């Protein structure tokens, strides 16, 4: 990983794109938000908050391993959210 700054950008872009895809799905389905789509957006925001909180943690022994783990969590979370998006 290049830097913490790039990791934060990745988290922002990936989860932001997922939220944007939910909005596009809503618009293509008639323009009304459903409970499922709102729950998916809430889950993406919660995931964003928790990952940024982990990135900003100060008391980390092995920073490289810590950030690699966060990157892995981002990928797993994004895949789960995309799977849920596909069922909308």
PDB file of N, CA and C in Angstrom:
ATOM      1  N   UNK A   1       0.838  -1.167   0.000  1.00  0.00           N
ATOM      2  CA  UNK A   1       0.000   0.000   0.000  1.00  0.00           C
ATOM      3  C   UNK A   1       0.889   1.239   0.000  1.00  0.00           C
ATOM      4  N   UNK A   2       0.466   2.234  -0.749  1.00  0.00           N
ATOM      5  CA  UNK A   2       1.292   3.431  -0.888  1.00  0.00           C
ATOM      6  C   UNK A   2       1.209   4.332   0.331  1.00  0.00           C
ATOM      7  N   UNK A   3      -0.009   4.621   0.805  1.00  0.00           N
ATOM      8  CA  UNK A   3      -0.119   5.533   1.924  1.00  0.00           C
ATOM      9  C   UNK A   3      -1.493   5.438   2.584  1.00  0.00           C
ATOM     10  N   UNK A   4      -1.571   6.025   3.757  1.00  0.00           N
ATOM     11  CA  UNK A   4      -2.837   6.077   4.483  1.00  0.00           C
ATOM     12  C   UNK A   4      -3.815   6.955   3.710  1.00  0.00           C
ATOM     13  N   UNK A   5      -3.304   8.007   3.117  1.00  0.00           N
ATOM     14  CA  UNK A   5      -4.141   8.919   2.336  1.00  0.00           C
ATOM     15  C   UNK A   5      -4.826   8.171   1.192  1.00  0.00           C
ATOM     16  N   UNK A   6      -4.084   7.327   0.501  1.00  0.00           N
ATOM     17  CA  UNK A   6      -4.658   6.554  -0.602  1.00  0.00           C
ATOM     18  C   UNK A   6      -5.667   5.531  -0.107  1.00  0.00           C
ATOM     19  N   UNK A   7      -5.433   4.941   1.053  1.00  0.00           N
ATOM     20  CA  UNK A   7      -6.381   3.991   1.624  1.00  0.00           C
ATOM     21  C   UNK A   7      -7.691   4.692   1.955  1.00  0.00           C
ATOM     22  N   UNK A   8      -7.608   5.885   2.530  1.00  0.00           N
ATOM     23  CA  UNK A   8      -8.818   6.654   2.835  1.00  0.00           C
ATOM     24  C   UNK A   8      -9.570   7.001   1.550  1.00  0.00           C
ATOM     25  N   UNK A   9      -8.847   7.357   0.510  1.00  0.00           N
ATOM     26  CA  UNK A   9      -9.486   7.661  -0.769  1.00  0.00           C
ATOM     27  C   UNK A   9     -10.171   6.424  -1.337  1.00  0.00           C
ATOM     28  N   UNK A  10      -9.496   5.275  -1.244  1.00  0.00           N
ATOM     29  CA  UNK A  10     -10.087   4.028  -1.732  1.00  0.00           C
ATOM     30  C   UNK A  10     -11.391   3.718  -1.007  1.00  0.00           C
ATOM     31  N   UNK A  11     -11.373   3.861   0.314  1.00  0.00           N
ATOM     32  CA  UNK A  11     -12.580   3.606   1.100  1.00  0.00           C
ATOM     33  C   UNK A  11     -13.698   4.539   0.646  1.00  0.00           C
ATOM     34  N   UNK A  12     -13.372   5.810   0.490  1.00  0.00           N
ATOM     35  CA  UNK A  12     -14.367   6.803   0.084  1.00  0.00           C
ATOM     36  C   UNK A  12     -14.919   6.505  -1.307  1.00  0.00           C
ATOM     37  N   UNK A  13     -14.042   6.230  -2.253  1.00  0.00           N
ATOM     38  CA  UNK A  13     -14.484   6.008  -3.627  1.00  0.00           C
ATOM     39  C   UNK A  13     -15.297   4.728  -3.773  1.00  0.00           C
ATOM     40  N   UNK A  14     -14.836   3.652  -3.172  1.00  0.00           N
ATOM     41  CA  UNK A  14     -15.526   2.366  -3.324  1.00  0.00           C
ATOM     42  C   UNK A  14     -16.923   2.426  -2.712  1.00  0.00           C
ATOM     43  N   UNK A  15     -17.009   2.882  -1.480  1.00  0.00           N
ATOM     44  CA  UNK A  15     -18.314   2.921  -0.829  1.00  0.00           C
ATOM     45  C   UNK A  15     -19.200   4.009  -1.424  1.00  0.00           C
ATOM     46  N   UNK A  16     -18.610   5.109  -1.867  1.00  0.00           N
ATOM     47  CA  UNK A  16     -19.377   6.143  -2.549  1.00  0.00           C
ATOM     48  C   UNK A  16     -19.967   5.647  -3.855  1.00  0.00           C
ATOM     49  N   UNK A  17     -19.206   4.860  -4.591  1.00  0.00           N
ATOM     50  CA  UNK A  17     -19.704   4.292  -5.840  1.00  0.00           C
ATOM     51  C   UNK A  17     -20.845   3.311  -5.593  1.00  0.00           C
ATOM     52  N   UNK A  18     -20.771   2.572  -4.514  1.00  0.00           N
ATOM     53  CA  UNK A  18     -21.844   1.635  -4.180  1.00  0.00           C
ATOM     54  C   UNK A  18     -23.123   2.406  -3.842  1.00  0.00           C
ATOM     55  N   UNK A  19     -22.992   3.468  -3.065  1.00  0.00           N
ATOM     56  CA  UNK A  19     -24.158   4.289  -2.720  1.00  0.00           C
ATOM     57  C   UNK A  19     -24.746   4.915  -3.986  1.00  0.00           C
ATOM     58  N   UNK A  20     -23.887   5.385  -4.867  1.00  0.00           N
ATOM     59  CA  UNK A  20     -24.355   5.958  -6.123  1.00  0.00           C
ATOM     60  C   UNK A  20     -25.092   4.918  -6.965  1.00  0.00           C
ATOM     61  N   UNK A  21     -24.595   3.695  -6.974  1.00  0.00           N
ATOM     62  CA  UNK A  21     -25.255   2.620  -7.717  1.00  0.00           C
ATOM     63  C   UNK A  21     -26.639   2.321  -7.137  1.00  0.00           C
ATOM     64  N   UNK A  22     -26.782   2.433  -5.823  1.00  0.00           N
ATOM     65  CA  UNK A  22     -28.094   2.228  -5.200  1.00  0.00           C
ATOM     66  C   UNK A  22     -29.059   3.302  -5.678  1.00  0.00           C
ATOM     67  N   UNK A  23     -28.605   4.552  -5.708  1.00  0.00           N
ATOM     68  CA  UNK A  23     -29.460   5.642  -6.179  1.00  0.00           C
ATOM     69  C   UNK A  23     -29.850   5.458  -7.645  1.00  0.00           C
ATOM     70  N   UNK A  24     -28.922   5.017  -8.464  1.00  0.00           N
ATOM     71  CA  UNK A  24     -29.214   4.771  -9.880  1.00  0.00           C
ATOM     72  C   UNK A  24     -30.234   3.647 -10.020  1.00  0.00           C
ATOM     73  N   UNK A  25     -30.090   2.611  -9.210  1.00  0.00           N
ATOM     74  CA  UNK A  25     -31.050   1.511  -9.227  1.00  0.00           C
ATOM     75  C   UNK A  25     -32.431   1.997  -8.829  1.00  0.00           C
ATOM     76  N   UNK A  26     -32.488   2.860  -7.823  1.00  0.00           N
ATOM     77  CA  UNK A  26     -33.775   3.422  -7.400  1.00  0.00           C
ATOM     78  C   UNK A  26     -34.415   4.226  -8.538  1.00  0.00           C
ATOM     79  N   UNK A  27     -33.617   5.051  -9.196  1.00  0.00           N
ATOM     80  CA  UNK A  27     -34.156   5.877 -10.285  1.00  0.00           C
ATOM     81  C   UNK A  27     -34.655   5.029 -11.445  1.00  0.00           C
ATOM     82  N   UNK A  28     -33.954   3.973 -11.747  1.00  0.00           N
ATOM     83  CA  UNK A  28     -34.365   3.122 -12.862  1.00  0.00           C
ATOM     84  C   UNK A  28     -35.589   2.276 -12.524  1.00  0.00           C
ATOM     85  N   UNK A  29     -35.886   2.139 -11.240  1.00  0.00           N
ATOM     86  CA  UNK A  29     -37.030   1.338 -10.818  1.00  0.00           C
ATOM     87  C   UNK A  29     -38.244   2.199 -10.470  1.00  0.00           C
ATOM     88  N   UNK A  30     -38.234   3.450 -10.875  1.00  0.00           N
ATOM     89  CA  UNK A  30     -39.396   4.284 -10.616  1.00  0.00           C
ATOM     90  C   UNK A  30     -39.107   5.499  -9.772  1.00  0.00           C
ATOM     91  N   UNK A  31     -37.932   5.600  -9.225  1.00  0.00           N
ATOM     92  CA  UNK A  31     -37.543   6.793  -8.496  1.00  0.00           C
ATOM     93  C   UNK A  31     -37.887   6.827  -7.030  1.00  0.00           C
ATOM     94  N   UNK A  32     -38.431   5.761  -6.507  1.00  0.00           N
ATOM     95  CA  UNK A  32     -38.798   5.757  -5.090  1.00  0.00           C
ATOM     96  C   UNK A  32     -37.847   4.862  -4.292  1.00  0.00           C
ATOM     97  N   UNK A  33     -37.480   5.361  -3.137  1.00  0.00           N
ATOM     98  CA  UNK A  33     -36.605   4.592  -2.247  1.00  0.00           C
ATOM     99  C   UNK A  33     -37.417   3.486  -1.576  1.00  0.00           C
ATOM    100  N   UNK A  34     -36.790   2.343  -1.455  1.00  0.00           N
ATOM    101  CA  UNK A  34     -37.435   1.233  -0.747  1.00  0.00           C
ATOM    102  C   UNK A  34     -36.704   1.019   0.572  1.00  0.00           C
ATOM    103  N   UNK A  35     -37.290   0.201   1.414  1.00  0.00           N
ATOM    104  CA  UNK A  35     -36.648  -0.107   2.691  1.00  0.00           C
ATOM    105  C   UNK A  35     -35.312  -0.812   2.481  1.00  0.00           C
ATOM    106  N   UNK A  36     -35.260  -1.691   1.473  1.00  0.00           N
ATOM    107  CA  UNK A  36     -34.021  -2.414   1.194  1.00  0.00           C
ATOM    108  C   UNK A  36     -32.912  -1.475   0.725  1.00  0.00           C
ATOM    109  N   UNK A  37     -33.255  -0.545  -0.138  1.00  0.00           N
ATOM    110  CA  UNK A  37     -32.230   0.370  -0.649  1.00  0.00           C
ATOM    111  C   UNK A  37     -31.748   1.317   0.450  1.00  0.00           C
ATOM    112  N   UNK A  38     -32.655   1.781   1.287  1.00  0.00           N
ATOM    113  CA  UNK A  38     -32.252   2.646   2.398  1.00  0.00           C
ATOM    114  C   UNK A  38     -31.370   1.887   3.384  1.00  0.00           C
ATOM    115  N   UNK A  39     -31.697   0.624   3.632  1.00  0.00           N
ATOM    116  CA  UNK A  39     -30.889  -0.199   4.539  1.00  0.00           C
ATOM    117  C   UNK A  39     -29.499  -0.428   3.957  1.00  0.00           C
ATOM    118  N   UNK A  40     -29.424  -0.604   2.648  1.00  0.00           N
ATOM    119  CA  UNK A  40     -28.135  -0.816   1.989  1.00  0.00           C
ATOM    120  C   UNK A  40     -27.268   0.440   2.069  1.00  0.00           C
ATOM    121  N   UNK A  41     -27.877   1.602   1.888  1.00  0.00           N
ATOM    122  CA  UNK A  41     -27.137   2.859   2.015  1.00  0.00           C
ATOM    123  C   UNK A  41     -26.661   3.049   3.447  1.00  0.00           C
ATOM    124  N   UNK A  42     -27.529   2.763   4.411  1.00  0.00           N
ATOM    125  CA  UNK A  42     -27.140   2.874   5.819  1.00  0.00           C
ATOM    126  C   UNK A  42     -25.982   1.936   6.149  1.00  0.00           C
ATOM    127  N   UNK A  43     -26.022   0.728   5.599  1.00  0.00           N
ATOM    128  CA  UNK A  43     -24.948  -0.245   5.839  1.00  0.00           C
ATOM    129  C   UNK A  43     -23.629   0.237   5.231  1.00  0.00           C
ATOM    130  N   UNK A  44     -23.687   0.832   4.044  1.00  0.00           N
ATOM    131  CA  UNK A  44     -22.481   1.362   3.406  1.00  0.00           C
ATOM    132  C   UNK A  44     -21.895   2.505   4.232  1.00  0.00           C
ATOM    133  N   UNK A  45     -22.745   3.362   4.759  1.00  0.00           N
ATOM    134  CA  UNK A  45     -22.267   4.480   5.579  1.00  0.00           C
ATOM    135  C   UNK A  45     -21.661   3.971   6.880  1.00  0.00           C
ATOM    136  N   UNK A  46     -22.288   2.983   7.488  1.00  0.00           N
ATOM    137  CA  UNK A  46     -21.752   2.390   8.719  1.00  0.00           C
ATOM    138  C   UNK A  46     -20.400   1.734   8.462  1.00  0.00           C
ATOM    139  N   UNK A  47     -20.284   1.035   7.344  1.00  0.00           N
ATOM    140  CA  UNK A  47     -19.017   0.413   6.961  1.00  0.00           C
ATOM    141  C   UNK A  47     -17.943   1.468   6.761  1.00  0.00           C
ATOM    142  N   UNK A  48     -18.293   2.562   6.095  1.00  0.00           N
ATOM    143  CA  UNK A  48     -17.358   3.661   5.879  1.00  0.00           C
ATOM    144  C   UNK A  48     -16.859   4.206   7.216  1.00  0.00           C
ATOM    145  N   UNK A  49     -17.786   4.483   8.112  1.00  0.00           N
ATOM    146  CA  UNK A  49     -17.420   5.038   9.418  1.00  0.00           C
ATOM    147  C   UNK A  49     -16.491   4.110  10.190  1.00  0.00           C
ATOM    148  N   UNK A  50     -16.798   2.812  10.185  1.00  0.00           N
ATOM    149  CA  UNK A  50     -15.978   1.876  10.955  1.00  0.00           C
ATOM    150  C   UNK A  50     -14.583   1.723  10.342  1.00  0.00           C
ATOM    151  N   UNK A  51     -14.491   1.695   9.014  1.00  0.00           N
ATOM    152  CA  UNK A  51     -13.177   1.556   8.376  1.00  0.00           C
ATOM    153  C   UNK A  51     -12.322   2.799   8.585  1.00  0.00           C
ATOM    154  N   UNK A  52     -12.915   3.970   8.494  1.00  0.00           N
ATOM    155  CA  UNK A  52     -12.153   5.208   8.722  1.00  0.00           C
ATOM    156  C   UNK A  52     -11.702   5.276  10.180  1.00  0.00           C
ATOM    157  N   UNK A  53     -12.547   4.820  11.082  1.00  0.00           N
ATOM    158  CA  UNK A  53     -12.168   4.794  12.498  1.00  0.00           C
ATOM    159  C   UNK A  53     -10.964   3.875  12.717  1.00  0.00           C
ATOM    160  N   UNK A  54     -10.955   2.725  12.025  1.00  0.00           N
ATOM    161  CA  UNK A  54      -9.821   1.805  12.132  1.00  0.00           C
ATOM    162  C   UNK A  54      -8.552   2.409  11.527  1.00  0.00           C
ATOM    163  N   UNK A  55      -8.689   3.118  10.423  1.00  0.00           N
ATOM    164  CA  UNK A  55      -7.526   3.743   9.791  1.00  0.00           C
ATOM    165  C   UNK A  55      -6.909   4.784  10.728  1.00  0.00           C
ATOM    166  N   UNK A  56      -7.757   5.518  11.427  1.00  0.00           N
ATOM    167  CA  UNK A  56      -7.285   6.593  12.299  1.00  0.00           C
ATOM    168  C   UNK A  56      -6.830   6.110  13.675  1.00  0.00           C
ATOM    169  N   UNK A  57      -6.895   4.821  13.940  1.00  0.00           N
ATOM    170  CA  UNK A  57      -6.453   4.289  15.234  1.00  0.00           C
ATOM    171  C   UNK A  57      -4.972   4.579  15.435  1.00  0.00           C
ATOM    172  N   UNK A  58      -4.633   5.067  16.603  1.00  0.00           N
ATOM    173  CA  UNK A  58      -3.254   5.474  16.885  1.00  0.00           C
ATOM    174  C   UNK A  58      -2.421   4.382  17.559  1.00  0.00           C
ATOM    175  N   UNK A  59      -3.049   3.524  18.329  1.00  0.00           N
ATOM    176  CA  UNK A  59      -2.303   2.535  19.112  1.00  0.00           C
ATOM    177  C   UNK A  59      -2.197   1.203  18.367  1.00  0.00           C
ATOM    178  N   UNK A  60      -1.477   1.225  17.244  1.00  0.00           N
ATOM    179  CA  UNK A  60      -1.305   0.049  16.408  1.00  0.00           C
ATOM    180  C   UNK A  60       0.160  -0.363  16.444  1.00  0.00           C
ATOM    181  N   UNK A  61       0.411  -1.641  16.694  1.00  0.00           N
ATOM    182  CA  UNK A  61       1.791  -2.119  16.779  1.00  0.00           C
ATOM    183  C   UNK A  61       2.425  -2.247  15.392  1.00  0.00           C
ATOM    184  N   UNK A  62       1.792  -3.016  14.523  1.00  0.00           N
ATOM    185  CA  UNK A  62       2.324  -3.255  13.182  1.00  0.00           C
ATOM    186  C   UNK A  62       1.425  -2.539  12.176  1.00  0.00           C
ATOM    187  N   UNK A  63       1.801  -1.333  11.785  1.00  0.00           N
ATOM    188  CA  UNK A  63       0.949  -0.512  10.925  1.00  0.00           C
ATOM    189  C   UNK A  63       0.725  -1.145   9.556  1.00  0.00           C
ATOM    190  N   UNK A  64       1.757  -1.731   8.990  1.00  0.00           N
ATOM    191  CA  UNK A  64       1.628  -2.309   7.657  1.00  0.00           C
ATOM    192  C   UNK A  64       0.594  -3.429   7.648  1.00  0.00           C
ATOM    193  N   UNK A  65       0.664  -4.315   8.622  1.00  0.00           N
ATOM    194  CA  UNK A  65      -0.306  -5.403   8.710  1.00  0.00           C
ATOM    195  C   UNK A  65      -1.713  -4.872   9.019  1.00  0.00           C
ATOM    196  N   UNK A  66      -1.776  -3.841   9.857  1.00  0.00           N
ATOM    197  CA  UNK A  66      -3.057  -3.237  10.215  1.00  0.00           C
ATOM    198  C   UNK A  66      -3.749  -2.657   8.983  1.00  0.00           C
ATOM    199  N   UNK A  67      -3.016  -1.916   8.175  1.00  0.00           N
ATOM    200  CA  UNK A  67      -3.603  -1.302   6.993  1.00  0.00           C
ATOM    201  C   UNK A  67      -3.935  -2.344   5.922  1.00  0.00           C
ATOM    202  N   UNK A  68      -3.144  -3.386   5.845  1.00  0.00           N
ATOM    203  CA  UNK A  68      -3.437  -4.464   4.908  1.00  0.00           C
ATOM    204  C   UNK A  68      -4.744  -5.157   5.302  1.00  0.00           C
ATOM    205  N   UNK A  69      -4.950  -5.337   6.602  1.00  0.00           N
ATOM    206  CA  UNK A  69      -6.190  -5.937   7.103  1.00  0.00           C
ATOM    207  C   UNK A  69      -7.393  -5.041   6.796  1.00  0.00           C
ATOM    208  N   UNK A  70      -7.230  -3.742   6.925  1.00  0.00           N
ATOM    209  CA  UNK A  70      -8.314  -2.804   6.626  1.00  0.00           C
ATOM    210  C   UNK A  70      -8.652  -2.870   5.130  1.00  0.00           C
ATOM    211  N   UNK A  71      -7.638  -2.946   4.300  1.00  0.00           N
ATOM    212  CA  UNK A  71      -7.857  -3.053   2.867  1.00  0.00           C
ATOM    213  C   UNK A  71      -8.626  -4.328   2.530  1.00  0.00           C
ATOM    214  N   UNK A  72      -8.289  -5.405   3.202  1.00  0.00           N
ATOM    215  CA  UNK A  72      -8.980  -6.674   2.995  1.00  0.00           C
ATOM    216  C   UNK A  72     -10.440  -6.572   3.457  1.00  0.00           C
ATOM    217  N   UNK A  73     -10.676  -5.913   4.599  1.00  0.00           N
ATOM    218  CA  UNK A  73     -12.044  -5.715   5.087  1.00  0.00           C
ATOM    219  C   UNK A  73     -12.860  -4.880   4.105  1.00  0.00           C
ATOM    220  N   UNK A  74     -12.226  -3.878   3.512  1.00  0.00           N
ATOM    221  CA  UNK A  74     -12.905  -3.039   2.525  1.00  0.00           C
ATOM    222  C   UNK A  74     -13.354  -3.885   1.341  1.00  0.00           C
ATOM    223  N   UNK A  75     -12.473  -4.723   0.856  1.00  0.00           N
ATOM    224  CA  UNK A  75     -12.807  -5.571  -0.288  1.00  0.00           C
ATOM    225  C   UNK A  75     -13.947  -6.521   0.046  1.00  0.00           C
ATOM    226  N   UNK A  76     -13.884  -7.153   1.216  1.00  0.00           N
ATOM    227  CA  UNK A  76     -14.933  -8.084   1.624  1.00  0.00           C
ATOM    228  C   UNK A  76     -16.270  -7.364   1.795  1.00  0.00           C
ATOM    229  N   UNK A  77     -16.249  -6.222   2.444  1.00  0.00           N
ATOM    230  CA  UNK A  77     -17.475  -5.454   2.666  1.00  0.00           C
ATOM    231  C   UNK A  77     -18.071  -4.987   1.346  1.00  0.00           C
ATOM    232  N   UNK A  78     -17.226  -4.516   0.441  1.00  0.00           N
ATOM    233  CA  UNK A  78     -17.699  -4.050  -0.860  1.00  0.00           C
ATOM    234  C   UNK A  78     -18.341  -5.192  -1.641  1.00  0.00           C
ATOM    235  N   UNK A  79     -17.732  -6.363  -1.601  1.00  0.00           N
ATOM    236  CA  UNK A  79     -18.310  -7.514  -2.302  1.00  0.00           C
ATOM    237  C   UNK A  79     -19.664  -7.894  -1.729  1.00  0.00           C
ATOM    238  N   UNK A  80     -19.808  -7.847  -0.403  1.00  0.00           N
ATOM    239  CA  UNK A  80     -21.089  -8.148   0.221  1.00  0.00           C
ATOM    240  C   UNK A  80     -22.143  -7.119  -0.160  1.00  0.00           C
ATOM    241  N   UNK A  81     -21.775  -5.846  -0.144  1.00  0.00           N
ATOM    242  CA  UNK A  81     -22.724  -4.793  -0.499  1.00  0.00           C
ATOM    243  C   UNK A  81     -23.134  -4.888  -1.968  1.00  0.00           C
ATOM    244  N   UNK A  82     -22.206  -5.215  -2.837  1.00  0.00           N
ATOM    245  CA  UNK A  82     -22.527  -5.370  -4.260  1.00  0.00           C
ATOM    246  C   UNK A  82     -23.463  -6.553  -4.465  1.00  0.00           C
ATOM    247  N   UNK A  83     -23.234  -7.623  -3.726  1.00  0.00           N
ATOM    248  CA  UNK A  83     -24.143  -8.767  -3.796  1.00  0.00           C
ATOM    249  C   UNK A  83     -25.555  -8.390  -3.382  1.00  0.00           C
ATOM    250  N   UNK A  84     -25.684  -7.592  -2.337  1.00  0.00           N
ATOM    251  CA  UNK A  84     -27.001  -7.136  -1.895  1.00  0.00           C
ATOM    252  C   UNK A  84     -27.620  -6.180  -2.910  1.00  0.00           C
ATOM    253  N   UNK A  85     -26.771  -5.364  -3.549  1.00  0.00           N
ATOM    254  CA  UNK A  85     -27.248  -4.421  -4.551  1.00  0.00           C
ATOM    255  C   UNK A  85     -27.837  -5.162  -5.742  1.00  0.00           C
ATOM    256  N   UNK A  86     -27.238  -6.258  -6.110  1.00  0.00           N
ATOM    257  CA  UNK A  86     -27.706  -7.024  -7.250  1.00  0.00           C
ATOM    258  C   UNK A  86     -29.079  -7.650  -7.011  1.00  0.00           C
ATOM    259  N   UNK A  87     -29.440  -7.815  -5.745  1.00  0.00           N
ATOM    260  CA  UNK A  87     -30.758  -8.413  -5.445  1.00  0.00           C
ATOM    261  C   UNK A  87     -31.866  -7.368  -5.379  1.00  0.00           C
ATOM    262  N   UNK A  88     -31.521  -6.082  -5.473  1.00  0.00           N
ATOM    263  CA  UNK A  88     -32.562  -5.033  -5.413  1.00  0.00           C
ATOM    264  C   UNK A  88     -33.450  -5.071  -6.631  1.00  0.00           C
TER     265      UNK A  88
END
